[in-house]
N, C-alpha and C. Protein backbone atom coordinates (compact mmCIF):
# COMPACT_ATOMS: atom_id res chain seq x y z
N MET A 1 -9.44 99.05 89.80
CA MET A 1 -9.56 97.63 89.23
C MET A 1 -9.43 96.61 90.14
N GLU A 2 -10.07 95.68 90.22
CA GLU A 2 -9.93 94.48 91.30
C GLU A 2 -8.62 93.62 91.18
N ALA A 3 -7.93 93.27 92.38
CA ALA A 3 -6.61 92.69 92.17
C ALA A 3 -6.64 91.69 91.28
N GLU A 4 -7.57 90.69 91.29
CA GLU A 4 -7.28 89.64 90.35
C GLU A 4 -7.34 89.88 88.70
N ARG A 5 -8.13 90.87 88.52
CA ARG A 5 -8.01 91.41 86.93
C ARG A 5 -6.62 92.13 87.01
N LEU A 6 -6.18 92.78 87.68
CA LEU A 6 -4.80 93.31 87.58
C LEU A 6 -3.57 92.33 87.63
N ILE A 7 -3.77 91.24 88.37
CA ILE A 7 -3.03 90.28 88.52
C ILE A 7 -2.79 89.58 86.85
N GLU A 8 -4.08 89.27 86.61
CA GLU A 8 -4.33 88.42 85.17
C GLU A 8 -3.77 89.50 83.96
N ALA A 9 -3.92 90.81 84.06
CA ALA A 9 -3.63 91.74 83.28
C ALA A 9 -1.72 91.75 83.14
N GLY A 10 -1.46 91.65 84.40
CA GLY A 10 0.01 91.78 84.50
C GLY A 10 0.57 90.20 84.25
N ARG A 11 0.04 89.24 84.35
CA ARG A 11 0.58 87.78 83.81
C ARG A 11 0.60 87.90 82.30
N ARG A 12 -0.38 88.20 81.52
CA ARG A 12 -0.53 88.44 80.06
C ARG A 12 0.58 89.48 79.86
N ALA A 13 0.70 90.54 80.19
CA ALA A 13 2.02 91.65 79.96
C ALA A 13 3.15 90.83 80.00
N LEU A 14 3.37 90.08 81.06
CA LEU A 14 4.77 89.33 81.25
C LEU A 14 4.89 88.42 80.27
N ALA A 15 3.95 87.74 79.85
CA ALA A 15 3.86 86.67 78.95
C ALA A 15 4.40 87.17 77.45
N ASP A 16 3.64 88.36 77.39
CA ASP A 16 3.74 89.19 75.70
C ASP A 16 5.00 89.81 75.96
N SER A 17 6.05 89.96 76.92
CA SER A 17 7.21 90.59 76.96
C SER A 17 8.09 90.17 75.93
N ARG A 18 8.80 91.17 75.39
CA ARG A 18 9.85 90.87 74.16
C ARG A 18 11.11 91.87 74.57
N GLY A 19 12.07 90.96 74.99
CA GLY A 19 13.43 91.76 75.16
C GLY A 19 13.56 91.87 76.84
N ALA A 20 14.87 92.13 76.98
CA ALA A 20 15.18 92.16 78.57
C ALA A 20 14.58 93.25 79.22
N LEU A 21 14.59 94.53 78.55
CA LEU A 21 13.99 95.85 79.29
C LEU A 21 12.34 95.64 79.41
N ASP A 22 11.65 95.10 78.50
CA ASP A 22 10.08 94.77 78.73
C ASP A 22 10.01 93.52 79.94
N VAL A 23 11.01 92.74 80.08
CA VAL A 23 10.79 91.66 81.06
C VAL A 23 11.05 92.30 82.60
N MET A 24 12.14 93.23 82.50
CA MET A 24 12.53 94.02 83.77
C MET A 24 11.42 94.98 83.96
N ALA A 25 10.73 95.73 83.06
CA ALA A 25 9.40 96.39 83.39
C ALA A 25 8.42 95.87 83.91
N GLU A 26 8.07 94.69 83.36
CA GLU A 26 6.99 93.77 84.03
C GLU A 26 7.29 93.35 85.20
N ALA A 27 8.45 92.83 85.58
CA ALA A 27 8.83 92.24 86.77
C ALA A 27 8.61 93.34 88.01
N TRP A 28 8.92 94.64 87.52
CA TRP A 28 8.76 95.95 88.65
C TRP A 28 7.31 96.15 88.75
N GLN A 29 6.57 95.82 87.59
CA GLN A 29 5.29 96.14 87.68
C GLN A 29 4.61 95.11 88.63
N ALA A 30 5.16 93.90 88.48
CA ALA A 30 4.60 92.88 89.41
C ALA A 30 4.69 93.18 90.61
N GLN A 31 5.89 93.66 91.02
CA GLN A 31 6.49 94.05 92.40
C GLN A 31 5.62 95.20 92.77
N ALA A 32 5.50 95.99 92.01
CA ALA A 32 4.33 97.20 92.68
C ALA A 32 3.16 96.76 93.08
N LEU A 33 2.49 95.87 92.30
CA LEU A 33 1.33 95.08 92.27
C LEU A 33 1.46 94.54 93.97
N ALA A 34 2.56 93.63 93.99
CA ALA A 34 2.33 92.79 95.32
C ALA A 34 2.53 93.74 96.48
N ARG A 35 3.36 94.82 96.22
CA ARG A 35 3.32 95.83 97.54
C ARG A 35 2.10 96.64 97.70
N ALA A 36 1.31 96.81 96.39
CA ALA A 36 -0.11 97.45 96.82
C ALA A 36 -1.01 96.40 97.28
N VAL A 37 -1.06 95.37 96.93
CA VAL A 37 -1.79 94.10 97.50
C VAL A 37 -1.61 94.08 98.91
N GLY A 38 -0.27 94.09 99.21
CA GLY A 38 0.09 93.94 100.88
C GLY A 38 -0.24 95.01 101.33
N SER A 39 -0.33 96.27 100.82
CA SER A 39 -0.62 97.54 101.83
C SER A 39 -1.99 97.40 101.96
N ARG A 40 -2.82 97.14 101.08
CA ARG A 40 -4.19 96.99 101.22
C ARG A 40 -4.61 96.12 102.30
N LEU A 41 -3.86 94.53 102.04
CA LEU A 41 -4.48 93.78 102.92
C LEU A 41 -4.16 94.17 104.54
N ALA A 42 -2.82 95.04 104.60
CA ALA A 42 -2.41 95.36 105.73
C ALA A 42 -3.23 96.21 106.71
N LEU A 43 -4.17 97.18 105.80
CA LEU A 43 -5.02 97.89 106.29
C LEU A 43 -6.25 97.42 106.55
N CYS A 44 -6.79 96.36 105.94
CA CYS A 44 -8.30 95.95 105.70
C CYS A 44 -8.44 94.48 105.33
N GLY A 45 -7.21 93.86 105.55
CA GLY A 45 -7.29 92.03 105.54
C GLY A 45 -7.80 91.75 106.54
N PRO A 46 -8.02 90.36 106.61
CA PRO A 46 -8.02 89.38 107.87
C PRO A 46 -6.97 89.93 108.99
N MET A 47 -7.35 89.86 109.99
CA MET A 47 -6.29 90.20 111.13
C MET A 47 -5.05 89.36 111.27
N GLU A 48 -5.24 88.17 110.93
CA GLU A 48 -3.95 87.25 110.80
C GLU A 48 -2.90 87.37 109.57
N LEU A 49 -3.45 88.10 108.65
CA LEU A 49 -2.52 88.33 107.67
C LEU A 49 -1.88 89.80 107.66
N ARG A 50 -2.22 90.55 108.67
CA ARG A 50 -1.82 91.88 108.40
C ARG A 50 -0.29 92.20 108.79
N SER A 51 0.23 91.58 109.42
CA SER A 51 1.78 91.60 109.88
C SER A 51 2.54 91.25 108.48
N GLU A 52 2.13 89.98 108.03
CA GLU A 52 2.88 89.38 106.86
C GLU A 52 2.46 90.55 105.46
N ALA A 53 1.26 91.05 105.57
CA ALA A 53 0.89 91.99 104.40
C ALA A 53 1.42 93.12 104.79
N ARG A 54 1.76 93.69 105.72
CA ARG A 54 2.59 94.92 105.94
C ARG A 54 4.04 94.75 105.47
N ALA A 55 4.68 93.63 105.79
CA ALA A 55 5.86 93.25 105.23
C ALA A 55 5.85 93.27 103.75
N LEU A 56 4.98 92.63 103.18
CA LEU A 56 4.69 92.74 101.54
C LEU A 56 4.61 93.72 101.06
N GLY A 57 4.04 94.85 101.71
CA GLY A 57 3.77 96.17 101.27
C GLY A 57 5.24 96.83 101.30
N GLU A 58 6.29 96.38 101.98
CA GLU A 58 7.51 97.19 102.16
C GLU A 58 8.56 96.72 101.28
N ILE A 59 8.46 95.70 100.65
CA ILE A 59 9.39 94.95 100.13
C ILE A 59 9.84 95.60 98.57
N GLY A 60 10.96 96.00 98.50
CA GLY A 60 11.47 96.69 97.34
C GLY A 60 10.93 98.08 97.24
N ALA A 61 10.50 98.83 98.12
CA ALA A 61 10.14 100.15 98.05
C ALA A 61 11.17 100.90 97.80
N GLY A 62 10.84 102.09 97.00
CA GLY A 62 12.02 102.93 96.70
C GLY A 62 13.01 102.44 95.63
N CYS A 63 12.82 101.36 94.88
CA CYS A 63 13.80 100.77 94.06
C CYS A 63 13.68 101.59 92.70
N SER A 64 14.93 102.13 92.27
CA SER A 64 14.98 102.64 91.13
C SER A 64 14.43 102.20 89.85
N ALA A 65 14.40 101.04 89.59
CA ALA A 65 13.95 100.31 88.45
C ALA A 65 12.49 100.91 88.06
N LEU A 66 11.85 101.35 88.99
CA LEU A 66 10.40 101.83 88.56
C LEU A 66 10.66 103.30 87.88
N ASP A 67 11.70 103.65 87.69
CA ASP A 67 11.94 104.88 87.06
C ASP A 67 12.20 104.47 85.61
N HIS A 68 12.15 103.25 85.27
CA HIS A 68 12.31 102.89 83.95
C HIS A 68 11.44 103.50 83.00
N PRO A 69 11.75 103.95 81.80
CA PRO A 69 10.69 104.61 80.86
C PRO A 69 9.69 103.77 80.45
N THR A 70 9.69 102.64 80.50
CA THR A 70 8.60 101.55 79.91
C THR A 70 7.47 101.58 81.18
N VAL A 71 8.44 101.48 82.36
CA VAL A 71 7.26 101.69 83.61
C VAL A 71 6.52 103.08 83.64
N ILE A 72 7.27 104.08 83.46
CA ILE A 72 6.62 105.28 83.60
C ILE A 72 5.77 105.69 82.44
N SER A 73 6.07 105.28 81.16
CA SER A 73 5.05 105.65 80.22
C SER A 73 3.84 104.90 80.21
N GLY A 74 3.50 103.69 80.73
CA GLY A 74 2.24 102.97 81.05
C GLY A 74 1.98 103.62 82.38
N GLY A 75 2.75 103.83 83.40
CA GLY A 75 2.27 104.08 84.74
C GLY A 75 2.10 102.81 85.27
N ALA A 76 2.27 102.88 86.87
CA ALA A 76 2.29 101.71 87.55
C ALA A 76 0.83 101.11 87.46
N ARG A 77 0.56 99.94 87.10
CA ARG A 77 -0.53 99.07 87.12
C ARG A 77 -1.19 98.95 88.36
N ALA A 78 -0.37 98.96 89.33
CA ALA A 78 -0.66 98.81 90.82
C ALA A 78 -1.65 99.93 91.16
N ALA A 79 -1.42 101.26 90.53
CA ALA A 79 -2.35 102.41 90.89
C ALA A 79 -3.56 102.21 90.68
N GLN A 80 -3.93 101.22 89.89
CA GLN A 80 -5.49 100.92 89.32
C GLN A 80 -6.08 100.07 90.35
N LEU A 81 -5.25 99.45 91.58
CA LEU A 81 -5.95 98.56 92.53
C LEU A 81 -7.15 99.53 92.97
N SER A 82 -8.18 98.92 93.11
CA SER A 82 -9.59 99.21 93.78
C SER A 82 -9.99 98.70 94.98
N GLY A 83 -9.67 97.25 94.86
CA GLY A 83 -9.97 96.47 96.11
C GLY A 83 -9.56 95.05 95.61
N ILE A 84 -9.70 94.13 96.68
CA ILE A 84 -9.56 92.69 96.66
C ILE A 84 -10.85 92.02 97.14
N GLY A 85 -11.18 91.54 96.15
CA GLY A 85 -12.59 90.98 96.29
C GLY A 85 -12.55 89.37 97.22
N GLU A 86 -11.71 88.53 96.94
CA GLU A 86 -11.69 87.31 97.75
C GLU A 86 -9.98 87.19 97.85
N VAL A 87 -9.50 87.18 99.25
CA VAL A 87 -8.50 87.25 99.35
C VAL A 87 -7.48 86.03 99.08
N ARG A 88 -8.04 84.71 99.15
CA ARG A 88 -7.42 83.66 98.74
C ARG A 88 -6.89 83.48 97.22
N PRO A 89 -8.15 83.74 96.40
CA PRO A 89 -7.73 83.74 95.00
C PRO A 89 -6.76 84.90 94.61
N ALA A 90 -6.90 85.99 95.04
CA ALA A 90 -5.89 87.15 94.91
C ALA A 90 -4.56 86.83 95.27
N LEU A 91 -4.37 86.11 96.22
CA LEU A 91 -2.86 85.56 96.61
C LEU A 91 -2.31 84.69 95.90
N ALA A 92 -3.17 83.81 95.47
CA ALA A 92 -2.84 82.33 94.59
C ALA A 92 -2.40 82.91 93.38
N GLY A 93 -3.16 83.94 93.00
CA GLY A 93 -2.78 84.54 91.45
C GLY A 93 -1.40 85.37 91.69
N LEU A 94 -1.41 86.31 92.65
CA LEU A 94 -0.40 86.78 92.95
C LEU A 94 1.07 86.20 92.99
N ALA A 95 0.70 84.96 93.67
CA ALA A 95 2.06 84.03 93.83
C ALA A 95 2.48 83.51 92.37
N LEU A 96 1.46 83.25 91.42
CA LEU A 96 1.55 82.73 90.10
C LEU A 96 2.56 83.65 89.34
N LEU A 97 2.01 85.02 89.67
CA LEU A 97 2.60 86.09 89.01
C LEU A 97 4.04 86.44 89.42
N LEU A 98 4.25 86.56 90.65
CA LEU A 98 5.62 86.59 90.96
C LEU A 98 6.50 85.36 90.68
N GLY A 99 5.95 84.08 90.78
CA GLY A 99 6.84 83.12 90.33
C GLY A 99 7.22 83.29 88.84
N GLU A 100 6.54 83.74 88.02
CA GLU A 100 6.65 83.92 86.60
C GLU A 100 7.64 84.98 86.16
N ALA A 101 7.34 86.09 87.00
CA ALA A 101 8.44 86.95 86.77
C ALA A 101 9.45 86.74 87.30
N GLY A 102 10.12 85.97 88.40
CA GLY A 102 11.09 85.31 88.68
C GLY A 102 11.80 84.47 87.74
N ILE A 103 11.02 83.61 87.19
CA ILE A 103 11.62 82.89 86.09
C ILE A 103 11.97 84.01 84.88
N ALA A 104 10.93 84.58 84.33
CA ALA A 104 11.50 85.42 83.36
C ALA A 104 12.97 86.17 83.71
N LEU A 105 13.17 86.66 84.86
CA LEU A 105 14.26 87.47 85.35
C LEU A 105 15.51 86.48 85.20
N VAL A 106 15.44 85.43 85.52
CA VAL A 106 16.40 84.44 85.59
C VAL A 106 16.91 84.10 84.13
N GLY A 107 16.00 84.24 83.13
CA GLY A 107 16.17 84.07 81.63
C GLY A 107 17.02 85.23 81.30
N VAL A 108 16.54 86.48 81.59
CA VAL A 108 17.22 87.94 81.31
C VAL A 108 18.66 87.88 81.78
N ALA A 109 18.66 87.30 83.20
CA ALA A 109 20.03 87.47 83.76
C ALA A 109 20.98 86.63 83.10
N CYS A 110 20.51 85.28 82.57
CA CYS A 110 21.53 84.30 82.04
C CYS A 110 21.80 84.84 80.45
N ASP A 111 21.06 85.44 80.08
CA ASP A 111 21.26 86.10 78.72
C ASP A 111 21.87 87.29 78.45
N THR A 112 22.11 88.04 79.55
CA THR A 112 22.77 89.28 79.33
C THR A 112 24.23 89.44 79.62
N GLY A 113 24.92 90.23 78.77
CA GLY A 113 26.15 90.59 79.13
C GLY A 113 26.57 91.78 79.76
N GLU A 114 25.69 92.37 80.08
CA GLU A 114 25.79 93.80 80.69
C GLU A 114 25.69 93.69 82.30
N ASP A 115 26.67 94.01 82.79
CA ASP A 115 26.85 94.00 84.28
C ASP A 115 25.45 94.63 85.07
N GLY A 116 25.34 95.93 84.55
CA GLY A 116 24.22 96.61 85.11
C GLY A 116 22.71 96.07 85.07
N LEU A 117 22.57 95.50 83.99
CA LEU A 117 21.31 94.74 83.90
C LEU A 117 21.26 93.50 84.65
N TYR A 118 22.26 92.77 84.80
CA TYR A 118 22.35 91.53 85.38
C TYR A 118 22.34 91.74 86.95
N TRP A 119 22.79 92.77 87.62
CA TRP A 119 22.40 93.04 88.90
C TRP A 119 21.14 93.48 89.07
N GLN A 120 20.58 94.30 88.31
CA GLN A 120 19.18 94.76 88.28
C GLN A 120 18.21 93.53 88.42
N CYS A 121 18.53 92.66 87.47
CA CYS A 121 17.83 91.45 87.55
C CYS A 121 17.91 90.72 88.87
N ILE A 122 19.28 90.46 89.42
CA ILE A 122 19.37 89.81 90.56
C ILE A 122 18.61 90.76 91.66
N GLU A 123 18.73 91.99 91.83
CA GLU A 123 17.86 92.58 92.85
C GLU A 123 16.32 92.46 92.57
N ALA A 124 15.85 92.39 91.47
CA ALA A 124 14.29 92.08 91.00
C ALA A 124 13.99 90.77 91.45
N MET A 125 14.92 89.80 91.22
CA MET A 125 14.64 88.50 91.55
C MET A 125 14.62 88.18 93.02
N ASP A 126 15.51 88.88 93.83
CA ASP A 126 15.26 88.76 95.37
C ASP A 126 14.21 89.33 95.78
N ALA A 127 13.55 90.45 95.07
CA ALA A 127 12.35 90.97 95.87
C ALA A 127 11.28 90.00 95.35
N ALA A 128 11.18 89.54 94.19
CA ALA A 128 10.05 88.80 93.86
C ALA A 128 10.09 87.66 94.81
N ASP A 129 11.26 86.86 95.12
CA ASP A 129 11.44 85.84 95.73
C ASP A 129 10.81 86.16 97.45
N GLU A 130 11.38 87.30 97.68
CA GLU A 130 11.03 87.71 99.05
C GLU A 130 9.35 87.70 99.28
N SER A 131 8.96 88.50 98.04
CA SER A 131 7.36 88.86 98.15
C SER A 131 6.59 87.39 97.98
N LEU A 132 7.03 86.53 97.29
CA LEU A 132 6.61 85.06 96.92
C LEU A 132 6.62 84.66 98.43
N ASP A 133 7.60 84.52 99.08
CA ASP A 133 7.57 84.01 100.38
C ASP A 133 6.53 84.38 101.37
N ARG A 134 6.45 85.73 101.31
CA ARG A 134 5.31 86.33 102.06
C ARG A 134 3.94 86.05 101.46
N VAL A 135 3.75 85.94 100.52
CA VAL A 135 2.52 85.49 99.82
C VAL A 135 2.14 83.91 100.11
N HIS A 136 3.07 83.08 100.15
CA HIS A 136 2.88 81.86 100.57
C HIS A 136 2.58 81.92 102.06
N GLY A 137 3.31 82.42 102.87
CA GLY A 137 3.04 82.67 104.31
C GLY A 137 1.58 83.05 104.78
N MET A 138 1.02 83.84 103.76
CA MET A 138 -0.32 84.47 103.91
C MET A 138 -1.27 83.24 103.55
N LEU A 139 -1.08 82.59 102.46
CA LEU A 139 -1.81 81.45 102.16
C LEU A 139 -1.77 80.43 103.14
N ARG A 140 -0.69 80.10 103.75
CA ARG A 140 -0.67 79.26 104.81
C ARG A 140 -1.45 79.57 105.91
N ARG A 141 -1.62 80.83 106.39
CA ARG A 141 -2.22 81.09 107.52
C ARG A 141 -3.76 81.22 107.29
N LEU A 142 -4.14 81.46 106.07
CA LEU A 142 -5.65 81.51 105.57
C LEU A 142 -6.03 79.75 105.80
N ALA A 143 -5.11 78.89 105.20
CA ALA A 143 -5.40 77.56 105.14
C ALA A 143 -5.48 77.18 106.86
N GLU A 144 -4.84 77.47 107.37
CA GLU A 144 -4.98 77.16 109.04
C GLU A 144 -6.00 77.55 109.64
N ARG A 145 -6.45 78.89 109.28
CA ARG A 145 -7.88 79.49 109.67
C ARG A 145 -8.88 78.51 109.13
N GLU A 146 -8.83 78.09 108.03
CA GLU A 146 -9.97 77.20 107.33
C GLU A 146 -10.01 75.97 108.15
N ARG A 147 -8.84 75.48 108.50
CA ARG A 147 -8.86 74.01 109.22
C ARG A 147 -9.16 74.04 110.50
N GLU A 148 -9.26 75.26 111.32
CA GLU A 148 -9.34 75.36 112.90
C GLU A 148 -10.84 74.96 113.14
N PRO A 149 -11.95 75.27 112.48
CA PRO A 149 -13.14 74.89 112.98
C PRO A 149 -13.29 73.27 112.79
N GLU A 150 -12.53 72.80 111.78
CA GLU A 150 -12.49 71.22 111.45
C GLU A 150 -11.87 70.68 112.86
N ARG A 151 -10.55 71.17 113.32
CA ARG A 151 -9.98 70.73 114.33
C ARG A 151 -10.81 70.63 115.55
N ALA A 152 -11.40 71.90 115.71
CA ALA A 152 -12.52 71.86 117.01
C ALA A 152 -13.41 70.75 116.79
N ARG A 153 -13.89 70.53 115.96
CA ARG A 153 -15.00 69.49 115.93
C ARG A 153 -14.37 68.13 116.06
N GLU A 154 -13.28 67.79 115.72
CA GLU A 154 -12.33 66.78 115.98
C GLU A 154 -12.28 66.51 117.48
N ARG A 155 -11.77 67.55 117.99
CA ARG A 155 -11.42 67.79 119.48
C ARG A 155 -12.62 67.67 120.16
N ASP A 156 -13.80 68.23 119.92
CA ASP A 156 -14.83 68.57 120.87
C ASP A 156 -15.84 67.30 120.66
N GLY A 157 -15.66 66.58 119.53
CA GLY A 157 -16.64 65.55 119.28
C GLY A 157 -17.76 65.97 118.50
N PRO A 158 -18.66 65.39 118.31
CA PRO A 158 -19.80 65.59 117.25
C PRO A 158 -20.84 66.59 117.89
N TYR A 159 -21.02 66.82 119.19
CA TYR A 159 -21.82 67.66 119.96
C TYR A 159 -21.22 68.71 120.76
N GLY A 160 -20.01 68.79 120.45
CA GLY A 160 -19.29 69.79 121.22
C GLY A 160 -18.98 69.81 122.56
N ILE A 161 -19.07 68.29 123.04
CA ILE A 161 -18.72 68.04 124.34
C ILE A 161 -17.39 67.50 124.53
N ARG A 162 -16.67 68.04 125.49
CA ARG A 162 -15.38 67.74 125.74
C ARG A 162 -15.10 66.52 126.94
N GLY A 163 -16.11 66.33 127.54
CA GLY A 163 -15.93 65.40 128.74
C GLY A 163 -16.77 65.98 129.91
N PRO A 164 -16.66 65.25 130.99
CA PRO A 164 -17.39 65.77 132.29
C PRO A 164 -16.78 67.10 132.63
N ALA A 165 -17.79 67.84 133.15
CA ALA A 165 -17.19 68.95 133.75
C ALA A 165 -16.27 68.92 134.91
N PRO A 166 -15.51 69.56 135.29
CA PRO A 166 -14.62 69.31 136.40
C PRO A 166 -15.38 69.12 137.65
N SER A 167 -16.13 69.76 137.96
CA SER A 167 -17.25 69.41 139.28
C SER A 167 -17.78 68.23 139.26
N ALA A 168 -18.06 67.49 138.07
CA ALA A 168 -18.64 66.15 138.01
C ALA A 168 -17.57 65.08 137.79
N ALA A 169 -16.28 65.46 137.69
CA ALA A 169 -15.26 64.40 137.79
C ALA A 169 -15.21 63.78 138.80
N GLY A 170 -15.64 64.28 140.17
CA GLY A 170 -15.37 63.44 141.34
C GLY A 170 -14.17 64.19 142.12
N PRO A 171 -13.96 63.44 143.28
CA PRO A 171 -12.59 64.09 143.92
C PRO A 171 -11.36 63.76 143.50
């Protein structure tokens, strides 16, 4: 399934989550999807995004919360990732999902009286926050890439002329 559709499915599932365990499971689903998108972009995304994407693909890897029965029963949604159509909308959607997961985790952490669940929330919030930082970094790089031709036109003038050639400048 295409990244944007998976991200929307994750946002809907997170919004429909009832209870701390459902929120935790959906937060880890979101993190798994962020890792999958990062790994995919590291392999075949725009060159300027590959180092950030590689780092995104490694955040939270090996977390035991993915062993949670709610995640296991439905499987990791990220395993369905078949491609990334347009990079910018996919990253923007992923940023929304990660932000929403972080907010939901704060709610769970504030409401729980159980130490284990509290610290799992903190770990999940850290992973979501770090992933969100990487996604924002990639979005900034894409914006810079899109502004570069405009800067070149401003610098070079309307006809691409920068000024006299060095040999014509005189002694």
